């Protein structure tokens, strides 16, 4: 595809030869002739001058000279995503129908255009919306409801009474509706299982990564709001409520009955204690350990998590401790010498 055509597709401003043939997309370091790359983070600006790519997508305010063609874009990350779609070879669309090896209960309801893959199990009373694709080896539990235009990759399990909205994507190995981690401690120290009689409710346009565990509520609902995105290996405990368009990065975990607002970001390996509230628009940094409520639009880091400005000051102070220790030793030696002189 010619570079001029690509610039037109993304609504960018082309600087350089428009007749260059672009064959693939690649990172700045890995790119070679015929590739197009992009710059989204100013941290990597120096790599643009060194890249072997034939063209690079850059922000509108780009002010450096480079040897390759550039396409200026208001959002270079988004523009590159559109370009990647142009060169992506999609997997053939699943054909509507039920694979011969699938087991579908007679009382299950399947909408028009549904595709059910090999060895899928759909239990009694389940409802599957129109044009939804359920790939191989998935299990859809008793009276689960899945909306229209959803995509479940292989080995997804939805336990009984789970409710999933429209246009939801769930990646391989995820379990929705497993029992919450609830036990009653007896006098002798043993633990007795507390029945988990609630369910999981997932809104529209949610995407859930691979090997995510979302626990059913002890009673009531564990809820995930519309448009939220959940990365791989995330744990969401019983009765957690997540607002709309919230992002949870890999290996983050939320303990039971915690409420997360809308447009919140939980960075990788963030851990939240139970029965907390995180306000709308808050950011929880990587590996943060959240022990108390987080206000709306606050940014917390560290463990225990605190407002990032305070945590940075504390870290800076810790870094200076070895110097302070050496200084104290010198002062002690000087004091000892002064005492001898007396």
Foldseek 3Di string as FASTA:
>chain_A
DFQLVLLVVLVWDKDDDRRQAAQEEDDLAPAAENYEYEDQDVVCVVSQQVGRYQEYEYAQPDDDDHDHMYTHDPHRVVSVVSVNVVNDDDDPDAFADADPQEAEDPQEAEEAREAHEHPEYEDHLEYEEHNEYAYPQEYEEANEYAYECEYEEHQEYEYHPEYYEYHEYEYHAEYAAAAFPDWDQDPVRDTHDQAQPAHEYEYAQEYAEHNEYAHGASHYYAYAEAQEYEYPCEYHGHLEAEYHNEYEYHLEYEDENEYEYYPEYEYANEYEYHPEYEADCEYEDHNEDDDHHHYHNFYWYDVPTDGPVVVVVVVVVVVCVVVVVVVVVVVVVVVVVVVVVD
